[in-house]
Amino acid sequence: MVWASSGLEHIRRKSSFSDFKDLVTSLLQQQTEVGLAAMIMWSIWSQRNQVRLRQPSTSLQQIVQLSKDRYSEFLACQVPTTVRAARVKKIWRPPPADLVKINFDGATCSGTNKSGLGVVIRDNMGQVLASCSKVVNQAHSSSEVEAMAAGLALSFAVEIGVKNAVLEGDSLLVVNALTDSESSLSHIGPLINDAKYYSYSFEKLLYSHVTRDCNSVAHSLAKYELNIQDFLVWMEETPPQVFHVLQADLAGLFQ
């Protein structure tokens, strides 16, 4: 009687079940009103116990509607889960064939009262042309140290003879300031103006803002600088401590 009035009688008639376990397995396989069926089965079991214990019970005619009401109440209490898209890690991209890419970054360690600047210059094949790290004996703000790193990146590139390049960093504030034709009036204005001075030495200079994922080598060089005394330069390579980060960038180019 209960199953006939529930609208789920076809499930029981479709197959023969040797026991309750077979019935549940079939419901899960068919994915047909599993929740409602489970609530009805619980209600039947609950009412059986009420009768066995001589407690007030619900009539068979009421079990289906009671189960549907309880199931609807259960669904209403569920907090919808938001399915988050898997975060796709972005990777460093090489410049066009006629340009090199100059990545820069800054890091600060308030514990040692130092800031580090990191720069790496690579060609369109991802090969390192030069890299450098510099320590600043003061813990500057993130925007200040990023602006300093941009200035170091441009001056370093000019010094080794780069004429056509893309300057790339993960500070949107600094990249926007560098591309603004007006003189910056912010607290990093003097640092931005210093960087712009070196930009005039290039025949072609483009600007690019990326996330930290795409700027990991320069970031590692900036952090590495916190462990040295002054200024170090590597031609056609990076320090060994950064090599694994560089290799990860190169591996990403072939994925």
Protein backbone atom coordinates (compact mmCIF):
# COMPACT_ATOMS: atom_id res chain seq x y z
CA MET A 1 0.00 0.00 0.00
CA VAL A 2 2.75 2.44 0.97
CA TRP A 3 4.86 1.87 -2.15
CA ALA A 4 1.84 1.94 -4.44
CA SER A 5 0.81 5.39 -3.23
CA SER A 6 4.38 6.73 -3.29
CA GLY A 7 4.81 6.51 -7.05
CA LEU A 8 7.86 4.28 -6.57
CA GLU A 9 6.12 0.92 -6.96
CA HIS A 10 7.75 0.46 -10.40
CA ILE A 11 11.16 0.21 -8.72
CA ARG A 12 10.09 -2.77 -6.65
CA ARG A 13 8.35 -4.44 -9.55
CA LYS A 14 11.24 -3.98 -11.99
CA SER A 15 13.38 -6.56 -10.21
CA SER A 16 13.05 -9.16 -7.54
CA PHE A 17 15.01 -8.54 -4.36
CA SER A 18 16.27 -11.24 -2.06
CA ASP A 19 16.66 -8.84 0.84
CA PHE A 20 16.64 -5.19 1.87
CA LYS A 21 20.29 -4.76 0.85
CA ASP A 22 19.45 -5.71 -2.75
CA LEU A 23 16.66 -3.12 -2.80
CA VAL A 24 18.97 -0.33 -1.62
CA THR A 25 21.68 -1.35 -4.11
CA SER A 26 19.15 -1.23 -6.95
CA LEU A 27 17.94 2.22 -5.89
CA LEU A 28 21.48 3.58 -5.84
CA GLN A 29 22.22 2.10 -9.25
CA GLN A 30 19.07 3.53 -10.82
CA GLN A 31 19.51 6.93 -9.14
CA THR A 32 15.73 7.24 -9.01
CA GLU A 33 14.31 9.26 -6.09
CA VAL A 34 16.88 7.73 -3.78
CA GLY A 35 16.32 10.37 -1.10
CA LEU A 36 12.54 9.98 -1.01
CA ALA A 37 12.77 6.20 -1.06
CA ALA A 38 15.19 6.30 1.88
CA MET A 39 12.84 8.58 3.83
CA ILE A 40 9.88 6.24 3.18
CA MET A 41 11.89 3.22 4.32
CA TRP A 42 12.94 5.05 7.48
CA SER A 43 9.32 6.02 8.15
CA ILE A 44 8.15 2.43 7.76
CA TRP A 45 10.89 1.23 10.11
CA SER A 46 10.06 4.01 12.60
CA GLN A 47 6.35 3.25 12.59
CA ARG A 48 7.04 -0.45 13.02
CA ASN A 49 9.01 0.37 16.17
CA GLN A 50 6.20 2.61 17.42
CA VAL A 51 3.71 -0.23 17.02
CA ARG A 52 6.07 -2.75 18.62
CA LEU A 53 6.54 -0.48 21.64
CA ARG A 54 2.81 0.27 21.80
CA GLN A 55 3.42 3.94 21.10
CA PRO A 56 1.23 6.26 19.00
CA SER A 57 1.85 5.58 15.33
CA THR A 58 0.93 6.92 11.90
CA SER A 59 -1.49 5.04 9.68
CA LEU A 60 -0.17 3.42 6.49
CA GLN A 61 -2.17 5.93 4.42
CA GLN A 62 -0.27 8.83 6.03
CA ILE A 63 3.27 7.44 5.80
CA VAL A 64 3.90 8.53 2.19
CA GLN A 65 2.74 12.11 2.67
CA LEU A 66 4.62 12.37 5.98
CA SER A 67 7.78 11.07 4.26
CA LYS A 68 7.42 13.54 1.39
CA ASP A 69 6.97 16.42 3.85
CA ARG A 70 10.02 15.41 5.85
CA TYR A 71 12.09 14.97 2.70
CA SER A 72 11.06 18.41 1.41
CA GLU A 73 11.99 19.91 4.77
CA PHE A 74 15.35 18.16 4.62
CA LEU A 75 16.08 19.53 1.14
CA ALA A 76 15.12 23.05 2.20
CA CYS A 77 17.68 22.93 5.00
CA GLN A 78 20.56 21.99 2.73
CA VAL A 79 23.11 24.72 2.05
CA PRO A 80 23.85 24.80 -1.67
CA THR A 81 27.49 24.04 -2.38
CA THR A 82 29.34 26.27 -4.77
CA VAL A 83 31.45 24.32 -7.19
CA ARG A 84 34.71 26.14 -7.60
CA ALA A 85 36.53 25.90 -10.85
CA ALA A 86 39.96 24.41 -10.45
CA ARG A 87 42.56 27.13 -10.38
CA VAL A 88 44.70 26.89 -13.46
CA LYS A 89 48.23 27.94 -12.73
CA LYS A 90 49.45 30.51 -15.21
CA ILE A 91 52.95 30.22 -16.61
CA TRP A 92 55.63 32.53 -17.90
CA ARG A 93 55.34 33.22 -21.62
CA PRO A 94 58.30 34.09 -23.85
CA PRO A 95 58.42 37.39 -25.77
CA PRO A 96 58.12 37.75 -29.56
CA ALA A 97 61.24 36.74 -31.50
CA ASP A 98 62.43 40.33 -31.96
CA LEU A 99 62.25 41.17 -28.24
CA VAL A 100 63.63 39.97 -24.93
CA LYS A 101 61.61 39.85 -21.74
CA ILE A 102 62.75 41.57 -18.56
CA ASN A 103 61.02 40.29 -15.44
CA PHE A 104 61.40 42.19 -12.17
CA ASP A 105 60.19 41.77 -8.61
CA GLY A 106 60.82 43.04 -5.10
CA ALA A 107 60.61 41.42 -1.68
CA THR A 108 60.81 42.77 1.85
CA CYS A 109 61.85 41.13 5.11
CA SER A 110 60.85 43.28 8.07
CA GLY A 111 62.65 40.88 10.44
CA THR A 112 66.05 41.75 8.97
CA ASN A 113 65.07 45.28 7.88
CA LYS A 114 66.09 44.47 4.30
CA SER A 115 64.50 44.55 0.86
CA GLY A 116 65.55 42.50 -2.14
CA LEU A 117 65.32 43.25 -5.86
CA GLY A 118 65.41 40.58 -8.54
CA VAL A 119 65.71 40.79 -12.33
CA VAL A 120 65.95 38.15 -15.06
CA ILE A 121 66.24 38.77 -18.80
CA ARG A 122 65.30 35.97 -21.21
CA ASP A 123 64.96 35.54 -24.96
CA ASN A 124 62.07 34.11 -26.95
CA MET A 125 63.29 30.56 -26.27
CA GLY A 126 63.26 31.10 -22.53
CA GLN A 127 67.04 31.10 -22.28
CA VAL A 128 68.56 33.39 -19.66
CA LEU A 129 70.64 36.24 -21.06
CA ALA A 130 71.39 37.73 -17.65
CA SER A 131 70.03 37.96 -14.12
CA CYS A 132 70.82 39.96 -11.04
CA SER A 133 69.91 40.44 -7.38
CA LYS A 134 70.39 43.49 -5.21
CA VAL A 135 69.89 44.07 -1.52
CA VAL A 136 68.52 47.31 -0.07
CA ASN A 137 69.33 47.79 3.61
CA GLN A 138 65.87 48.95 4.59
CA ALA A 139 62.45 47.29 4.68
CA HIS A 140 60.45 49.34 2.19
CA SER A 141 56.75 49.02 1.38
CA SER A 142 55.74 46.55 -1.34
CA SER A 143 54.99 49.30 -3.87
CA GLU A 144 58.31 51.05 -3.17
CA VAL A 145 60.37 47.91 -3.54
CA GLU A 146 58.52 46.99 -6.75
CA ALA A 147 59.26 50.44 -8.20
CA MET A 148 62.92 50.06 -7.22
CA ALA A 149 63.02 46.68 -8.92
CA ALA A 150 61.56 48.17 -12.11
CA GLY A 151 64.26 50.85 -12.13
CA LEU A 152 66.97 48.24 -11.55
CA ALA A 153 65.54 46.06 -14.34
CA LEU A 154 65.67 48.85 -16.91
CA SER A 155 69.10 50.17 -15.90
CA PHE A 156 70.54 46.63 -15.88
CA ALA A 157 69.09 45.89 -19.33
CA VAL A 158 70.52 49.12 -20.72
CA GLU A 159 73.92 48.30 -19.23
CA ILE A 160 74.15 44.93 -21.03
CA GLY A 161 73.00 46.43 -24.33
CA VAL A 162 69.31 45.50 -24.57
CA LYS A 163 67.44 47.73 -27.03
CA ASN A 164 64.10 45.99 -27.63
CA ALA A 165 62.23 44.43 -24.75
CA VAL A 166 59.08 43.70 -22.77
CA LEU A 167 59.22 44.81 -19.14
CA GLU A 168 57.07 42.50 -17.04
CA GLY A 169 56.14 42.56 -13.36
CA ASP A 170 53.37 41.48 -10.99
CA SER A 171 52.68 44.92 -9.49
CA LEU A 172 49.78 46.49 -11.35
CA LEU A 173 50.36 49.79 -9.55
CA VAL A 174 53.93 50.04 -10.81
CA VAL A 175 53.18 48.87 -14.35
CA ASN A 176 50.34 51.38 -14.67
CA ALA A 177 52.56 54.17 -13.31
CA LEU A 178 55.30 53.32 -15.81
CA THR A 179 52.88 53.48 -18.73
CA ASP A 180 51.28 56.74 -17.59
CA SER A 181 52.52 59.64 -19.69
CA GLU A 182 52.03 62.01 -16.76
CA SER A 183 54.56 62.34 -13.97
CA SER A 184 53.54 60.29 -10.93
CA LEU A 185 52.55 62.32 -7.88
CA SER A 186 52.25 59.31 -5.57
CA HIS A 187 54.74 58.36 -2.86
CA ILE A 188 56.56 56.16 -5.41
CA GLY A 189 56.65 58.99 -7.97
CA PRO A 190 60.42 59.69 -7.71
CA LEU A 191 61.18 55.96 -8.11
CA ILE A 192 58.89 55.70 -11.13
CA ASN A 193 60.48 58.77 -12.70
CA ASP A 194 63.92 57.19 -12.22
CA ALA A 195 62.74 54.06 -14.01
CA LYS A 196 61.23 56.10 -16.84
CA TYR A 197 64.58 57.82 -17.36
CA TYR A 198 66.15 54.50 -18.35
CA SER A 199 63.22 53.61 -20.59
CA TYR A 200 64.23 56.35 -23.03
CA SER A 201 67.36 54.34 -23.89
CA PHE A 202 65.30 51.60 -25.58
CA GLU A 203 64.31 51.55 -29.23
CA LYS A 204 61.21 49.55 -28.37
CA LEU A 205 59.86 48.91 -24.90
CA LEU A 206 56.54 47.25 -24.08
CA TYR A 207 55.00 46.71 -20.66
CA SER A 208 53.21 43.69 -19.24
CA HIS A 209 51.45 42.96 -15.95
CA VAL A 210 51.18 39.32 -14.86
CA THR A 211 50.39 37.32 -11.74
CA ARG A 212 53.06 36.03 -9.37
CA ASP A 213 52.88 32.60 -11.06
CA CYS A 214 54.31 34.14 -14.22
CA ASN A 215 57.00 36.06 -12.35
CA SER A 216 58.42 33.32 -10.14
CA VAL A 217 62.06 33.52 -11.27
CA ALA A 218 62.33 37.26 -10.59
CA HIS A 219 60.54 36.74 -7.26
CA SER A 220 63.01 34.02 -6.27
CA LEU A 221 65.92 36.29 -7.20
CA ALA A 222 64.46 39.05 -5.03
CA LYS A 223 64.14 36.69 -2.07
CA TYR A 224 67.61 35.27 -2.70
CA GLU A 225 69.05 38.75 -2.39
CA LEU A 226 67.93 38.90 1.23
CA ASN A 227 70.72 36.40 1.99
CA ILE A 228 73.60 38.28 0.34
CA GLN A 229 75.43 41.51 1.07
CA ASP A 230 75.13 43.78 -1.95
CA PHE A 231 74.68 43.19 -5.69
CA LEU A 232 75.29 40.07 -7.76
CA VAL A 233 75.08 39.50 -11.52
CA TRP A 234 74.92 36.22 -13.43
CA MET A 235 75.45 36.16 -17.21
CA GLU A 236 73.49 33.54 -19.16
CA GLU A 237 72.38 31.87 -15.94
CA THR A 238 70.75 32.26 -12.54
CA PRO A 239 72.16 31.26 -9.15
CA PRO A 240 71.82 27.51 -8.40
CA GLN A 241 69.19 28.21 -5.74
CA VAL A 242 66.83 29.55 -8.42
CA PHE A 243 67.58 26.95 -11.10
CA HIS A 244 64.61 24.70 -10.26
CA VAL A 245 62.21 27.64 -10.61
CA LEU A 246 63.69 28.47 -14.01
CA GLN A 247 63.35 24.84 -15.11
CA ALA A 248 59.68 24.84 -14.08
CA ASP A 249 59.11 27.87 -16.33
CA LEU A 250 60.83 26.14 -19.26
CA ALA A 251 58.85 22.93 -18.69
CA GLY A 252 55.63 24.93 -18.79
CA LEU A 253 56.40 26.11 -22.32
CA PHE A 254 56.05 22.57 -23.64
CA GLN A 255 52.80 21.65 -21.87
